[in-house]
Amino acid sequence: VTKVHGTRHPLSRWTTNQRREYKALDEDASDIDLARMKKLEDIGFEFDRHHSRWEKRFAELQAFKASHGHVNVPQRCQTNPSLGRWVNTQRRQQRMR
């Protein structure tokens, strides 16, 4: 859910709160009802958007490998620029470890 007319839509605020409550589960500080959480999961609600974006890029990388036979995606990949940037970020993060 995105901003509408420069302000946050009430549904956007609500989804943000659901994600915040979900993250608080790890700290035993959440008020989220597990049955409600299950309902959200059943309709495909993404509690961890970062994880789902990573999985999407990983699937794109797998497709790139199937097509090209390697995973050496150029940083300025013509066919999928965001995949090139993502691979570059993964490499940079690995070097920082």
C-alpha atoms as a PDB file:
ATOM      1  CA  VAL A   1       0.000   0.000   0.000  1.00  0.00           C
ATOM      2  CA  THR A   2       1.521   3.283  -1.045  1.00  0.00           C
ATOM      3  CA  LYS A   3       1.036   6.924  -0.261  1.00  0.00           C
ATOM      4  CA  VAL A   4      -2.060   8.534  -1.734  1.00  0.00           C
ATOM      5  CA  HIS A   5      -2.102  12.267  -2.520  1.00  0.00           C
ATOM      6  CA  GLY A   6       1.084  12.886  -0.566  1.00  0.00           C
ATOM      7  CA  THR A   7      -0.207  11.387   2.679  1.00  0.00           C
ATOM      8  CA  ARG A   8      -0.134   7.877   4.008  1.00  0.00           C
ATOM      9  CA  HIS A   9      -3.315   5.995   3.322  1.00  0.00           C
ATOM     10  CA  PRO A  10      -4.965   4.528   6.462  1.00  0.00           C
ATOM     11  CA  LEU A  11      -4.451   1.025   5.053  1.00  0.00           C
ATOM     12  CA  SER A  12      -0.744   1.794   4.685  1.00  0.00           C
ATOM     13  CA  ARG A  13      -0.535   2.777   8.360  1.00  0.00           C
ATOM     14  CA  TRP A  14      -2.406  -0.394   9.316  1.00  0.00           C
ATOM     15  CA  THR A  15      -0.104  -2.682   7.285  1.00  0.00           C
ATOM     16  CA  THR A  16       2.936  -0.947   8.777  1.00  0.00           C
ATOM     17  CA  ASN A  17       1.557  -1.612  12.250  1.00  0.00           C
ATOM     18  CA  GLN A  18       0.966  -5.290  11.401  1.00  0.00           C
ATOM     19  CA  ARG A  19       4.587  -5.641  10.295  1.00  0.00           C
ATOM     20  CA  ARG A  20       5.803  -3.876  13.436  1.00  0.00           C
ATOM     21  CA  GLU A  21       3.786  -6.245  15.627  1.00  0.00           C
ATOM     22  CA  TYR A  22       5.121  -9.226  13.689  1.00  0.00           C
ATOM     23  CA  LYS A  23       8.721  -8.097  14.278  1.00  0.00           C
ATOM     24  CA  ALA A  24       7.944  -7.633  17.982  1.00  0.00           C
ATOM     25  CA  LEU A  25       7.046 -11.341  18.212  1.00  0.00           C
ATOM     26  CA  ASP A  26      10.774 -12.131  18.368  1.00  0.00           C
ATOM     27  CA  GLU A  27      11.040  -9.981  21.482  1.00  0.00           C
ATOM     28  CA  ASP A  28       7.864 -11.372  23.088  1.00  0.00           C
ATOM     29  CA  ALA A  29       6.524  -7.829  22.977  1.00  0.00           C
ATOM     30  CA  SER A  30       3.795  -8.245  20.392  1.00  0.00           C
ATOM     31  CA  ASP A  31       0.059  -7.899  20.823  1.00  0.00           C
ATOM     32  CA  ILE A  32      -0.698  -9.510  17.458  1.00  0.00           C
ATOM     33  CA  ASP A  33      -3.270 -12.268  17.578  1.00  0.00           C
ATOM     34  CA  LEU A  34      -1.819 -15.419  16.023  1.00  0.00           C
ATOM     35  CA  ALA A  35      -5.127 -16.281  14.327  1.00  0.00           C
ATOM     36  CA  ARG A  36      -5.167 -12.854  12.677  1.00  0.00           C
ATOM     37  CA  MET A  37      -1.551 -13.286  11.637  1.00  0.00           C
ATOM     38  CA  LYS A  38      -2.475 -16.629  10.023  1.00  0.00           C
ATOM     39  CA  LYS A  39      -5.315 -14.967   8.122  1.00  0.00           C
ATOM     40  CA  LEU A  40      -2.912 -12.373   6.758  1.00  0.00           C
ATOM     41  CA  GLU A  41      -0.418 -15.073   5.761  1.00  0.00           C
ATOM     42  CA  ASP A  42      -3.192 -17.041   4.036  1.00  0.00           C
ATOM     43  CA  ILE A  43      -3.913 -14.119   1.683  1.00  0.00           C
ATOM     44  CA  GLY A  44      -0.238 -13.615   0.890  1.00  0.00           C
ATOM     45  CA  PHE A  45       0.514 -10.694   3.199  1.00  0.00           C
ATOM     46  CA  GLU A  46       4.270 -10.178   3.400  1.00  0.00           C
ATOM     47  CA  PHE A  47       5.429  -9.491   6.915  1.00  0.00           C
ATOM     48  CA  ASP A  48       9.072  -9.248   5.847  1.00  0.00           C
ATOM     49  CA  ARG A  49       9.239  -7.276   2.609  1.00  0.00           C
ATOM     50  CA  HIS A  50      13.043  -7.285   2.592  1.00  0.00           C
ATOM     51  CA  HIS A  51      13.106 -11.083   2.567  1.00  0.00           C
ATOM     52  CA  SER A  52      10.566 -11.329  -0.258  1.00  0.00           C
ATOM     53  CA  ARG A  53      12.506  -8.807  -2.382  1.00  0.00           C
ATOM     54  CA  TRP A  54      15.694 -10.817  -1.790  1.00  0.00           C
ATOM     55  CA  GLU A  55      13.934 -14.038  -2.820  1.00  0.00           C
ATOM     56  CA  LYS A  56      12.627 -12.339  -5.982  1.00  0.00           C
ATOM     57  CA  ARG A  57      16.111 -11.202  -6.994  1.00  0.00           C
ATOM     58  CA  PHE A  58      17.543 -14.630  -6.189  1.00  0.00           C
ATOM     59  CA  ALA A  59      14.958 -16.225  -8.512  1.00  0.00           C
ATOM     60  CA  GLU A  60      15.999 -13.736 -11.210  1.00  0.00           C
ATOM     61  CA  LEU A  61      19.626 -14.720 -10.651  1.00  0.00           C
ATOM     62  CA  GLN A  62      18.710 -18.396 -11.044  1.00  0.00           C
ATOM     63  CA  ALA A  63      16.954 -17.579 -14.335  1.00  0.00           C
ATOM     64  CA  PHE A  64      20.003 -15.596 -15.471  1.00  0.00           C
ATOM     65  CA  LYS A  65      22.219 -18.599 -14.729  1.00  0.00           C
ATOM     66  CA  ALA A  66      19.878 -20.950 -16.601  1.00  0.00           C
ATOM     67  CA  SER A  67      20.005 -18.629 -19.594  1.00  0.00           C
ATOM     68  CA  HIS A  68      23.714 -17.648 -19.544  1.00  0.00           C
ATOM     69  CA  GLY A  69      25.386 -20.553 -17.752  1.00  0.00           C
ATOM     70  CA  HIS A  70      26.976 -18.348 -15.084  1.00  0.00           C
ATOM     71  CA  VAL A  71      26.091 -15.811 -12.400  1.00  0.00           C
ATOM     72  CA  ASN A  72      28.530 -13.073 -13.413  1.00  0.00           C
ATOM     73  CA  VAL A  73      25.835 -10.472 -13.923  1.00  0.00           C
ATOM     74  CA  PRO A  74      27.318  -7.171 -15.064  1.00  0.00           C
ATOM     75  CA  GLN A  75      26.652  -4.287 -12.714  1.00  0.00           C
ATOM     76  CA  ARG A  76      25.100  -2.412 -15.617  1.00  0.00           C
ATOM     77  CA  CYS A  77      23.159  -5.382 -16.983  1.00  0.00           C
ATOM     78  CA  GLN A  78      21.209  -4.207 -20.041  1.00  0.00           C
ATOM     79  CA  THR A  79      18.418  -6.780 -19.750  1.00  0.00           C
ATOM     80  CA  ASN A  80      17.840  -6.430 -15.993  1.00  0.00           C
ATOM     81  CA  PRO A  81      19.535  -3.380 -14.438  1.00  0.00           C
ATOM     82  CA  SER A  82      18.095  -4.018 -10.970  1.00  0.00           C
ATOM     83  CA  LEU A  83      19.505  -7.546 -10.958  1.00  0.00           C
ATOM     84  CA  GLY A  84      22.952  -6.153 -11.798  1.00  0.00           C
ATOM     85  CA  ARG A  85      22.743  -3.687  -8.920  1.00  0.00           C
ATOM     86  CA  TRP A  86      21.471  -6.412  -6.550  1.00  0.00           C
ATOM     87  CA  VAL A  87      24.311  -8.801  -7.428  1.00  0.00           C
ATOM     88  CA  ASN A  88      26.810  -5.979  -6.949  1.00  0.00           C
ATOM     89  CA  THR A  89      25.305  -5.251  -3.510  1.00  0.00           C
ATOM     90  CA  GLN A  90      25.533  -8.942  -2.556  1.00  0.00           C
ATOM     91  CA  ARG A  91      29.198  -9.007  -3.564  1.00  0.00           C
ATOM     92  CA  ARG A  92      29.946  -5.803  -1.647  1.00  0.00           C
ATOM     93  CA  GLN A  93      28.211  -7.108   1.480  1.00  0.00           C
ATOM     94  CA  GLN A  94      30.196 -10.344   1.286  1.00  0.00           C
ATOM     95  CA  ARG A  95      33.490  -8.437   1.062  1.00  0.00           C
ATOM     96  CA  MET A  96      32.553  -6.410   4.177  1.00  0.00           C
ATOM     97  CA  ARG A  97      32.234  -9.562   6.291  1.00  0.00           C
END
